[in-house]
Amino acid sequence: MSRLLFTLCLLLGGCATSSPPLPATQQVLALADDAKALQAFGELALRYRESYDRLRPYLDEQQDAREKQLDRQRRAMYADVMLIQLGVAQYLQGLGQLARTDRFAYTGEINAASVTIRAWPDTGIDERAANAYTILLRLLARMHGEAQHRQMLGQLMHDGDAALQTLVSALTSLLRLYDKAGDNERDIVLGLLETDIAFTDTPSQRLLAVLAKTVQQSKVDEYRLYGLRHTLARQQLLALAQEHARLAGLGGLP
């Protein structure tokens, strides 16, 4: 009888190993698979980088000189911004791989990201963010070199939470910067269009006035949409950080 019970226990144990992941692991998978916030951030960061190209037709000489200088800074900073985004994305993907398969494999993207980033004053990318980025890369190396079991997920997330929170804070600060830059761009573009429309009131310029008003309304809608997208992306990033912090507090995962 005892042998029969032992055999049944083995069979039940075998069934348990093939059962669906327990809720904690499923939540890690959901966190890893939810990349909407990072995808949205990447699109908004690219739009910010291209600000000067959109503004150029609307600038006077003094404004153009200032925007050219800002354009150089935006493009230089963009490389570091994308490294932060990539580091966070790869960290989350690594957690997902461990939750699924107990193993994590390096990719070319991670190797390409294994460089330091610069601090950019008044943007959200300060020395703390640069250090947090380095910490996150070290955790990626730990995932590759040490993590062989799902039980390590809790410790990895615990060790990585402070760095993740710092980097998400940097990304949300950047989104506020992008939003402010969008408001400035809106004021320049719509201000010029409003002025030009006021001087197109003669019959010969009627068609030009209609076209200008069409462009004006299109721009109003565009800037309103991107203002909403900045807000939504911030909310999504904060939700991601909160969920990571919650899961990091669970301890060992099944």
C-alpha atoms as a PDB file:
ATOM      1  CA  MET A   1       0.000   0.000   0.000  1.00  0.00           C
ATOM      2  CA  SER A   2       2.780   2.391   0.911  1.00  0.00           C
ATOM      3  CA  ARG A   3       4.461   1.668  -2.429  1.00  0.00           C
ATOM      4  CA  LEU A   4       1.191   2.454  -4.210  1.00  0.00           C
ATOM      5  CA  LEU A   5       0.848   5.733  -2.326  1.00  0.00           C
ATOM      6  CA  PHE A   6       4.455   6.598  -3.163  1.00  0.00           C
ATOM      7  CA  THR A   7       3.775   5.908  -6.846  1.00  0.00           C
ATOM      8  CA  LEU A   8       0.648   8.056  -6.747  1.00  0.00           C
ATOM      9  CA  CYS A   9       2.624  10.891  -5.154  1.00  0.00           C
ATOM     10  CA  LEU A  10       5.199  10.693  -7.929  1.00  0.00           C
ATOM     11  CA  LEU A  11       2.468  10.775 -10.534  1.00  0.00           C
ATOM     12  CA  LEU A  12       0.788  13.723  -8.877  1.00  0.00           C
ATOM     13  CA  GLY A  13       4.118  15.482  -8.590  1.00  0.00           C
ATOM     14  CA  GLY A  14       4.698  14.917 -12.305  1.00  0.00           C
ATOM     15  CA  CYS A  15       1.305  16.420 -13.067  1.00  0.00           C
ATOM     16  CA  ALA A  16       2.105  19.415 -10.872  1.00  0.00           C
ATOM     17  CA  THR A  17       5.253  20.250 -12.801  1.00  0.00           C
ATOM     18  CA  SER A  18       3.259  20.590 -16.007  1.00  0.00           C
ATOM     19  CA  SER A  19       0.437  22.642 -14.461  1.00  0.00           C
ATOM     20  CA  PRO A  20      -0.029  26.316 -15.425  1.00  0.00           C
ATOM     21  CA  PRO A  21       2.194  28.855 -13.634  1.00  0.00           C
ATOM     22  CA  LEU A  22       0.938  30.017 -10.263  1.00  0.00           C
ATOM     23  CA  PRO A  23      -0.530  33.550 -10.127  1.00  0.00           C
ATOM     24  CA  ALA A  24       2.691  35.274  -9.028  1.00  0.00           C
ATOM     25  CA  THR A  25       4.559  33.916 -12.034  1.00  0.00           C
ATOM     26  CA  GLN A  26       1.669  34.814 -14.321  1.00  0.00           C
ATOM     27  CA  GLN A  27       1.843  38.366 -13.023  1.00  0.00           C
ATOM     28  CA  VAL A  28       5.543  38.566 -13.832  1.00  0.00           C
ATOM     29  CA  LEU A  29       4.782  37.327 -17.342  1.00  0.00           C
ATOM     30  CA  ALA A  30       2.062  39.967 -17.697  1.00  0.00           C
ATOM     31  CA  LEU A  31       4.490  42.650 -16.531  1.00  0.00           C
ATOM     32  CA  ALA A  32       7.148  41.479 -18.984  1.00  0.00           C
ATOM     33  CA  ASP A  33       4.720  41.252 -21.890  1.00  0.00           C
ATOM     34  CA  ASP A  34       3.129  44.657 -21.339  1.00  0.00           C
ATOM     35  CA  ALA A  35       5.423  46.839 -23.448  1.00  0.00           C
ATOM     36  CA  LYS A  36       2.873  49.502 -24.394  1.00  0.00           C
ATOM     37  CA  ALA A  37       4.376  52.127 -22.132  1.00  0.00           C
ATOM     38  CA  LEU A  38       7.904  51.678 -23.482  1.00  0.00           C
ATOM     39  CA  GLN A  39       6.721  51.560 -27.091  1.00  0.00           C
ATOM     40  CA  ALA A  40       4.746  54.764 -26.612  1.00  0.00           C
ATOM     41  CA  PHE A  41       7.718  56.412 -24.931  1.00  0.00           C
ATOM     42  CA  GLY A  42       9.989  55.507 -27.856  1.00  0.00           C
ATOM     43  CA  GLU A  43       7.612  57.114 -30.351  1.00  0.00           C
ATOM     44  CA  LEU A  44       7.322  60.294 -28.269  1.00  0.00           C
ATOM     45  CA  ALA A  45      11.102  60.476 -27.781  1.00  0.00           C
ATOM     46  CA  LEU A  46      11.576  60.270 -31.541  1.00  0.00           C
ATOM     47  CA  ARG A  47       9.026  63.032 -32.082  1.00  0.00           C
ATOM     48  CA  TYR A  48      10.893  65.224 -29.593  1.00  0.00           C
ATOM     49  CA  ARG A  49      14.166  64.580 -31.413  1.00  0.00           C
ATOM     50  CA  GLU A  50      12.600  65.722 -34.696  1.00  0.00           C
ATOM     51  CA  SER A  51      11.164  68.954 -33.249  1.00  0.00           C
ATOM     52  CA  TYR A  52      13.374  71.277 -35.271  1.00  0.00           C
ATOM     53  CA  ASP A  53      12.388  69.732 -38.605  1.00  0.00           C
ATOM     54  CA  ARG A  54       8.722  70.488 -37.875  1.00  0.00           C
ATOM     55  CA  LEU A  55       9.388  73.954 -36.505  1.00  0.00           C
ATOM     56  CA  ARG A  56      11.785  75.210 -39.173  1.00  0.00           C
ATOM     57  CA  PRO A  57       9.173  76.721 -41.546  1.00  0.00           C
ATOM     58  CA  TYR A  58       7.641  78.733 -38.695  1.00  0.00           C
ATOM     59  CA  LEU A  59      10.794  80.242 -37.159  1.00  0.00           C
ATOM     60  CA  ASP A  60      12.237  83.708 -37.474  1.00  0.00           C
ATOM     61  CA  GLU A  61      16.004  84.174 -37.582  1.00  0.00           C
ATOM     62  CA  GLN A  62      16.458  84.479 -33.819  1.00  0.00           C
ATOM     63  CA  GLN A  63      14.211  81.523 -33.086  1.00  0.00           C
ATOM     64  CA  ASP A  64      15.969  79.447 -35.719  1.00  0.00           C
ATOM     65  CA  ALA A  65      19.378  79.992 -34.127  1.00  0.00           C
ATOM     66  CA  ARG A  66      18.048  78.920 -30.722  1.00  0.00           C
ATOM     67  CA  GLU A  67      16.242  75.868 -32.084  1.00  0.00           C
ATOM     68  CA  LYS A  68      19.308  74.737 -34.030  1.00  0.00           C
ATOM     69  CA  GLN A  69      21.273  74.647 -30.789  1.00  0.00           C
ATOM     70  CA  LEU A  70      18.492  72.738 -29.044  1.00  0.00           C
ATOM     71  CA  ASP A  71      18.339  70.361 -32.005  1.00  0.00           C
ATOM     72  CA  ARG A  72      21.963  69.375 -31.524  1.00  0.00           C
ATOM     73  CA  GLN A  73      21.323  68.672 -27.834  1.00  0.00           C
ATOM     74  CA  ARG A  74      18.149  66.705 -28.537  1.00  0.00           C
ATOM     75  CA  ARG A  75      19.911  64.480 -31.036  1.00  0.00           C
ATOM     76  CA  ALA A  76      22.898  63.884 -28.763  1.00  0.00           C
ATOM     77  CA  MET A  77      20.654  63.074 -25.793  1.00  0.00           C
ATOM     78  CA  TYR A  78      18.437  60.767 -27.850  1.00  0.00           C
ATOM     79  CA  ALA A  79      21.116  58.056 -27.980  1.00  0.00           C
ATOM     80  CA  ASP A  80      21.274  57.881 -24.172  1.00  0.00           C
ATOM     81  CA  VAL A  81      17.490  58.020 -23.861  1.00  0.00           C
ATOM     82  CA  MET A  82      17.166  55.032 -26.165  1.00  0.00           C
ATOM     83  CA  LEU A  83      19.759  53.096 -24.151  1.00  0.00           C
ATOM     84  CA  ILE A  84      17.668  53.612 -21.016  1.00  0.00           C
ATOM     85  CA  GLN A  85      14.527  52.488 -22.819  1.00  0.00           C
ATOM     86  CA  LEU A  86      16.348  49.443 -24.204  1.00  0.00           C
ATOM     87  CA  GLY A  87      17.832  48.547 -20.827  1.00  0.00           C
ATOM     88  CA  VAL A  88      14.436  48.645 -19.100  1.00  0.00           C
ATOM     89  CA  ALA A  89      12.803  46.691 -21.933  1.00  0.00           C
ATOM     90  CA  GLN A  90      15.499  44.000 -21.884  1.00  0.00           C
ATOM     91  CA  TYR A  91      15.329  43.734 -18.099  1.00  0.00           C
ATOM     92  CA  LEU A  92      11.569  43.119 -18.265  1.00  0.00           C
ATOM     93  CA  GLN A  93      12.004  40.661 -21.134  1.00  0.00           C
ATOM     94  CA  GLY A  94      14.651  38.857 -19.096  1.00  0.00           C
ATOM     95  CA  LEU A  95      12.218  38.450 -16.208  1.00  0.00           C
ATOM     96  CA  GLY A  96       9.696  37.058 -18.648  1.00  0.00           C
ATOM     97  CA  GLN A  97      12.189  34.570 -20.081  1.00  0.00           C
ATOM     98  CA  LEU A  98      13.089  33.349 -16.603  1.00  0.00           C
ATOM     99  CA  ALA A  99       9.420  32.985 -15.682  1.00  0.00           C
ATOM    100  CA  ARG A 100       8.798  30.930 -18.827  1.00  0.00           C
ATOM    101  CA  THR A 101      11.910  28.812 -19.164  1.00  0.00           C
ATOM    102  CA  ASP A 102      14.096  29.266 -16.046  1.00  0.00           C
ATOM    103  CA  ARG A 103      16.864  30.563 -18.302  1.00  0.00           C
ATOM    104  CA  PHE A 104      17.856  33.859 -19.859  1.00  0.00           C
ATOM    105  CA  ALA A 105      19.828  34.318 -23.067  1.00  0.00           C
ATOM    106  CA  TYR A 106      21.781  37.416 -23.986  1.00  0.00           C
ATOM    107  CA  THR A 107      20.905  39.146 -27.235  1.00  0.00           C
ATOM    108  CA  GLY A 108      22.893  41.423 -29.491  1.00  0.00           C
ATOM    109  CA  GLU A 109      20.752  44.320 -28.315  1.00  0.00           C
ATOM    110  CA  ILE A 110      21.790  43.793 -24.710  1.00  0.00           C
ATOM    111  CA  ASN A 111      25.458  43.627 -25.646  1.00  0.00           C
ATOM    112  CA  ALA A 112      25.036  46.833 -27.635  1.00  0.00           C
ATOM    113  CA  ALA A 113      23.456  48.468 -24.580  1.00  0.00           C
ATOM    114  CA  SER A 114      26.378  47.582 -22.314  1.00  0.00           C
ATOM    115  CA  VAL A 115      27.823  51.075 -22.295  1.00  0.00           C
ATOM    116  CA  THR A 116      27.584  53.952 -19.858  1.00  0.00           C
ATOM    117  CA  ILE A 117      25.229  56.849 -20.414  1.00  0.00           C
ATOM    118  CA  ARG A 118      25.734  60.526 -19.721  1.00  0.00           C
ATOM    119  CA  ALA A 119      23.847  62.717 -17.282  1.00  0.00           C
ATOM    120  CA  TRP A 120      21.746  65.470 -18.877  1.00  0.00           C
ATOM    121  CA  PRO A 121      20.901  68.273 -16.423  1.00  0.00           C
ATOM    122  CA  ASP A 122      17.282  69.450 -16.205  1.00  0.00           C
ATOM    123  CA  THR A 123      15.939  66.488 -18.183  1.00  0.00           C
ATOM    124  CA  GLY A 124      15.536  63.740 -15.600  1.00  0.00           C
ATOM    125  CA  ILE A 125      18.677  61.870 -16.672  1.00  0.00           C
ATOM    126  CA  ASP A 126      20.914  62.721 -13.734  1.00  0.00           C
ATOM    127  CA  GLU A 127      23.788  60.840 -12.120  1.00  0.00           C
ATOM    128  CA  ARG A 128      21.337  58.638 -10.203  1.00  0.00           C
ATOM    129  CA  ALA A 129      19.706  57.581 -13.460  1.00  0.00           C
ATOM    130  CA  ALA A 130      23.080  56.868 -15.067  1.00  0.00           C
ATOM    131  CA  ASN A 131      24.084  54.716 -12.076  1.00  0.00           C
ATOM    132  CA  ALA A 132      20.708  52.952 -12.096  1.00  0.00           C
ATOM    133  CA  TYR A 133      21.230  52.069 -15.749  1.00  0.00           C
ATOM    134  CA  THR A 134      24.563  50.442 -14.881  1.00  0.00           C
ATOM    135  CA  ILE A 135      22.922  48.488 -12.051  1.00  0.00           C
ATOM    136  CA  LEU A 136      20.206  47.237 -14.380  1.00  0.00           C
ATOM    137  CA  LEU A 137      22.820  45.948 -16.833  1.00  0.00           C
ATOM    138  CA  ARG A 138      24.564  44.090 -14.001  1.00  0.00           C
ATOM    139  CA  LEU A 139      21.252  42.439 -13.151  1.00  0.00           C
ATOM    140  CA  LEU A 140      20.930  41.361 -16.782  1.00  0.00           C
ATOM    141  CA  ALA A 141      24.343  39.721 -16.447  1.00  0.00           C
ATOM    142  CA  ARG A 142      23.154  37.964 -13.279  1.00  0.00           C
ATOM    143  CA  MET A 143      20.117  36.658 -15.094  1.00  0.00           C
ATOM    144  CA  HIS A 144      22.385  35.169 -17.717  1.00  0.00           C
ATOM    145  CA  GLY A 145      25.072  33.834 -15.417  1.00  0.00           C
ATOM    146  CA  GLU A 146      23.223  32.660 -12.321  1.00  0.00           C
ATOM    147  CA  ALA A 147      19.470  32.482 -12.640  1.00  0.00           C
ATOM    148  CA  GLN A 148      18.364  28.948 -13.428  1.00  0.00           C
ATOM    149  CA  HIS A 149      15.148  28.748 -11.432  1.00  0.00           C
ATOM    150  CA  ARG A 150      11.944  30.727 -11.133  1.00  0.00           C
ATOM    151  CA  GLN A 151      12.538  31.008  -7.399  1.00  0.00           C
ATOM    152  CA  MET A 152      15.275  33.572  -8.155  1.00  0.00           C
ATOM    153  CA  LEU A 153      12.836  35.955  -9.773  1.00  0.00           C
ATOM    154  CA  GLY A 154      11.795  37.418  -6.449  1.00  0.00           C
ATOM    155  CA  GLN A 155      15.371  38.201  -5.447  1.00  0.00           C
ATOM    156  CA  LEU A 156      16.228  39.632  -8.865  1.00  0.00           C
ATOM    157  CA  MET A 157      13.178  41.878  -8.811  1.00  0.00           C
ATOM    158  CA  HIS A 158      13.922  42.921  -5.230  1.00  0.00           C
ATOM    159  CA  ASP A 159      17.492  43.826  -6.168  1.00  0.00           C
ATOM    160  CA  GLY A 160      16.409  45.601  -9.348  1.00  0.00           C
ATOM    161  CA  ASP A 161      13.454  47.570  -8.030  1.00  0.00           C
ATOM    162  CA  ALA A 162      15.338  50.679  -6.903  1.00  0.00           C
ATOM    163  CA  ALA A 163      17.142  50.951 -10.250  1.00  0.00           C
ATOM    164  CA  LEU A 164      13.925  50.390 -12.189  1.00  0.00           C
ATOM    165  CA  GLN A 165      12.085  53.019 -10.152  1.00  0.00           C
ATOM    166  CA  THR A 166      14.887  55.522 -10.789  1.00  0.00           C
ATOM    167  CA  LEU A 167      14.890  54.873 -14.528  1.00  0.00           C
ATOM    168  CA  VAL A 168      11.099  55.038 -14.801  1.00  0.00           C
ATOM    169  CA  SER A 169      11.257  58.344 -12.906  1.00  0.00           C
ATOM    170  CA  ALA A 170      13.804  59.575 -15.469  1.00  0.00           C
ATOM    171  CA  LEU A 171      11.540  58.514 -18.350  1.00  0.00           C
ATOM    172  CA  THR A 172       8.517  60.238 -16.829  1.00  0.00           C
ATOM    173  CA  SER A 173      10.583  63.405 -16.303  1.00  0.00           C
ATOM    174  CA  LEU A 174      11.553  63.230 -19.969  1.00  0.00           C
ATOM    175  CA  LEU A 175       7.882  62.955 -20.908  1.00  0.00           C
ATOM    176  CA  ARG A 176       7.183  66.144 -18.967  1.00  0.00           C
ATOM    177  CA  LEU A 177      10.030  67.776 -20.897  1.00  0.00           C
ATOM    178  CA  TYR A 178       8.560  66.509 -24.181  1.00  0.00           C
ATOM    179  CA  ASP A 179       5.148  67.847 -23.192  1.00  0.00           C
ATOM    180  CA  LYS A 180       6.570  71.269 -22.357  1.00  0.00           C
ATOM    181  CA  ALA A 181       8.489  71.330 -25.646  1.00  0.00           C
ATOM    182  CA  GLY A 182       5.273  70.383 -27.438  1.00  0.00           C
ATOM    183  CA  ASP A 183       3.460  73.314 -25.823  1.00  0.00           C
ATOM    184  CA  ASN A 184       6.259  75.645 -26.910  1.00  0.00           C
ATOM    185  CA  GLU A 185       6.113  74.276 -30.461  1.00  0.00           C
ATOM    186  CA  ARG A 186       2.331  74.668 -30.472  1.00  0.00           C
ATOM    187  CA  ASP A 187       2.558  78.310 -29.379  1.00  0.00           C
ATOM    188  CA  ILE A 188       5.084  79.134 -32.100  1.00  0.00           C
ATOM    189  CA  VAL A 189       3.231  77.360 -34.907  1.00  0.00           C
ATOM    190  CA  LEU A 190      -0.292  78.426 -34.005  1.00  0.00           C
ATOM    191  CA  GLY A 191       0.855  81.948 -33.185  1.00  0.00           C
ATOM    192  CA  LEU A 192       2.344  82.381 -36.652  1.00  0.00           C
ATOM    193  CA  LEU A 193      -0.682  80.852 -38.357  1.00  0.00           C
ATOM    194  CA  GLU A 194      -3.021  83.123 -36.416  1.00  0.00           C
ATOM    195  CA  THR A 195      -1.012  86.163 -37.479  1.00  0.00           C
ATOM    196  CA  ASP A 196      -0.850  85.086 -41.110  1.00  0.00           C
ATOM    197  CA  ILE A 197      -4.570  84.336 -41.265  1.00  0.00           C
ATOM    198  CA  ALA A 198      -5.345  87.827 -39.977  1.00  0.00           C
ATOM    199  CA  PHE A 199      -3.564  89.317 -42.996  1.00  0.00           C
ATOM    200  CA  THR A 200      -5.246  87.130 -45.612  1.00  0.00           C
ATOM    201  CA  ASP A 201      -8.598  88.900 -45.712  1.00  0.00           C
ATOM    202  CA  THR A 202      -8.538  90.149 -49.291  1.00  0.00           C
ATOM    203  CA  PRO A 203     -10.498  88.332 -52.055  1.00  0.00           C
ATOM    204  CA  SER A 204      -7.307  87.329 -53.844  1.00  0.00           C
ATOM    205  CA  GLN A 205      -6.044  85.626 -50.697  1.00  0.00           C
ATOM    206  CA  ARG A 206      -9.295  83.908 -49.740  1.00  0.00           C
ATOM    207  CA  LEU A 207      -8.115  80.459 -50.820  1.00  0.00           C
ATOM    208  CA  LEU A 208      -4.879  80.944 -48.917  1.00  0.00           C
ATOM    209  CA  ALA A 209      -6.879  81.843 -45.819  1.00  0.00           C
ATOM    210  CA  VAL A 210      -8.986  78.683 -46.139  1.00  0.00           C
ATOM    211  CA  LEU A 211      -5.878  76.548 -46.473  1.00  0.00           C
ATOM    212  CA  ALA A 212      -4.228  78.260 -43.527  1.00  0.00           C
ATOM    213  CA  LYS A 213      -7.297  77.676 -41.347  1.00  0.00           C
ATOM    214  CA  THR A 214      -7.301  74.008 -42.358  1.00  0.00           C
ATOM    215  CA  VAL A 215      -3.643  73.691 -41.358  1.00  0.00           C
ATOM    216  CA  GLN A 216      -4.386  75.570 -38.135  1.00  0.00           C
ATOM    217  CA  GLN A 217      -7.165  73.189 -37.124  1.00  0.00           C
ATOM    218  CA  SER A 218      -5.032  70.196 -38.032  1.00  0.00           C
ATOM    219  CA  LYS A 219      -2.224  71.505 -35.828  1.00  0.00           C
ATOM    220  CA  VAL A 220      -4.611  72.185 -32.933  1.00  0.00           C
ATOM    221  CA  ASP A 221      -5.783  68.572 -33.110  1.00  0.00           C
ATOM    222  CA  GLU A 222      -2.204  67.279 -33.448  1.00  0.00           C
ATOM    223  CA  TYR A 223      -0.885  69.097 -30.378  1.00  0.00           C
ATOM    224  CA  ARG A 224      -3.922  68.138 -28.321  1.00  0.00           C
ATOM    225  CA  LEU A 225      -3.431  64.472 -29.277  1.00  0.00           C
ATOM    226  CA  TYR A 226       0.252  64.485 -28.343  1.00  0.00           C
ATOM    227  CA  GLY A 227      -0.503  66.224 -25.054  1.00  0.00           C
ATOM    228  CA  LEU A 228      -2.876  63.355 -24.228  1.00  0.00           C
ATOM    229  CA  ARG A 229      -0.289  60.797 -25.365  1.00  0.00           C
ATOM    230  CA  HIS A 230       2.341  62.289 -23.040  1.00  0.00           C
ATOM    231  CA  THR A 231      -0.095  62.027 -20.128  1.00  0.00           C
ATOM    232  CA  LEU A 232      -1.117  58.458 -20.991  1.00  0.00           C
ATOM    233  CA  ALA A 233       2.500  57.314 -21.399  1.00  0.00           C
ATOM    234  CA  ARG A 234       3.372  58.755 -17.977  1.00  0.00           C
ATOM    235  CA  GLN A 235       0.435  56.926 -16.412  1.00  0.00           C
ATOM    236  CA  GLN A 236       1.431  53.650 -18.083  1.00  0.00           C
ATOM    237  CA  LEU A 237       5.046  53.948 -16.931  1.00  0.00           C
ATOM    238  CA  LEU A 238       3.992  54.724 -13.370  1.00  0.00           C
ATOM    239  CA  ALA A 239       1.636  51.732 -13.398  1.00  0.00           C
ATOM    240  CA  LEU A 240       4.502  49.534 -14.634  1.00  0.00           C
ATOM    241  CA  ALA A 241       6.780  50.772 -11.841  1.00  0.00           C
ATOM    242  CA  GLN A 242       4.086  50.247  -9.199  1.00  0.00           C
ATOM    243  CA  GLU A 243       3.398  46.701 -10.384  1.00  0.00           C
ATOM    244  CA  HIS A 244       7.111  45.881 -10.372  1.00  0.00           C
ATOM    245  CA  ALA A 245       7.427  47.220  -6.829  1.00  0.00           C
ATOM    246  CA  ARG A 246       4.425  45.166  -5.738  1.00  0.00           C
ATOM    247  CA  LEU A 247       5.807  41.967  -7.244  1.00  0.00           C
ATOM    248  CA  ALA A 248       9.293  42.665  -5.898  1.00  0.00           C
ATOM    249  CA  GLY A 249       7.787  42.669  -2.422  1.00  0.00           C
ATOM    250  CA  LEU A 250       6.390  39.140  -2.828  1.00  0.00           C
ATOM    251  CA  GLY A 251       9.727  37.482  -2.119  1.00  0.00           C
ATOM    252  CA  GLY A 252      10.440  34.157  -3.806  1.00  0.00           C
ATOM    253  CA  LEU A 253       8.193  33.265  -6.727  1.00  0.00           C
ATOM    254  CA  PRO A 254       6.933  29.769  -7.563  1.00  0.00           C
END
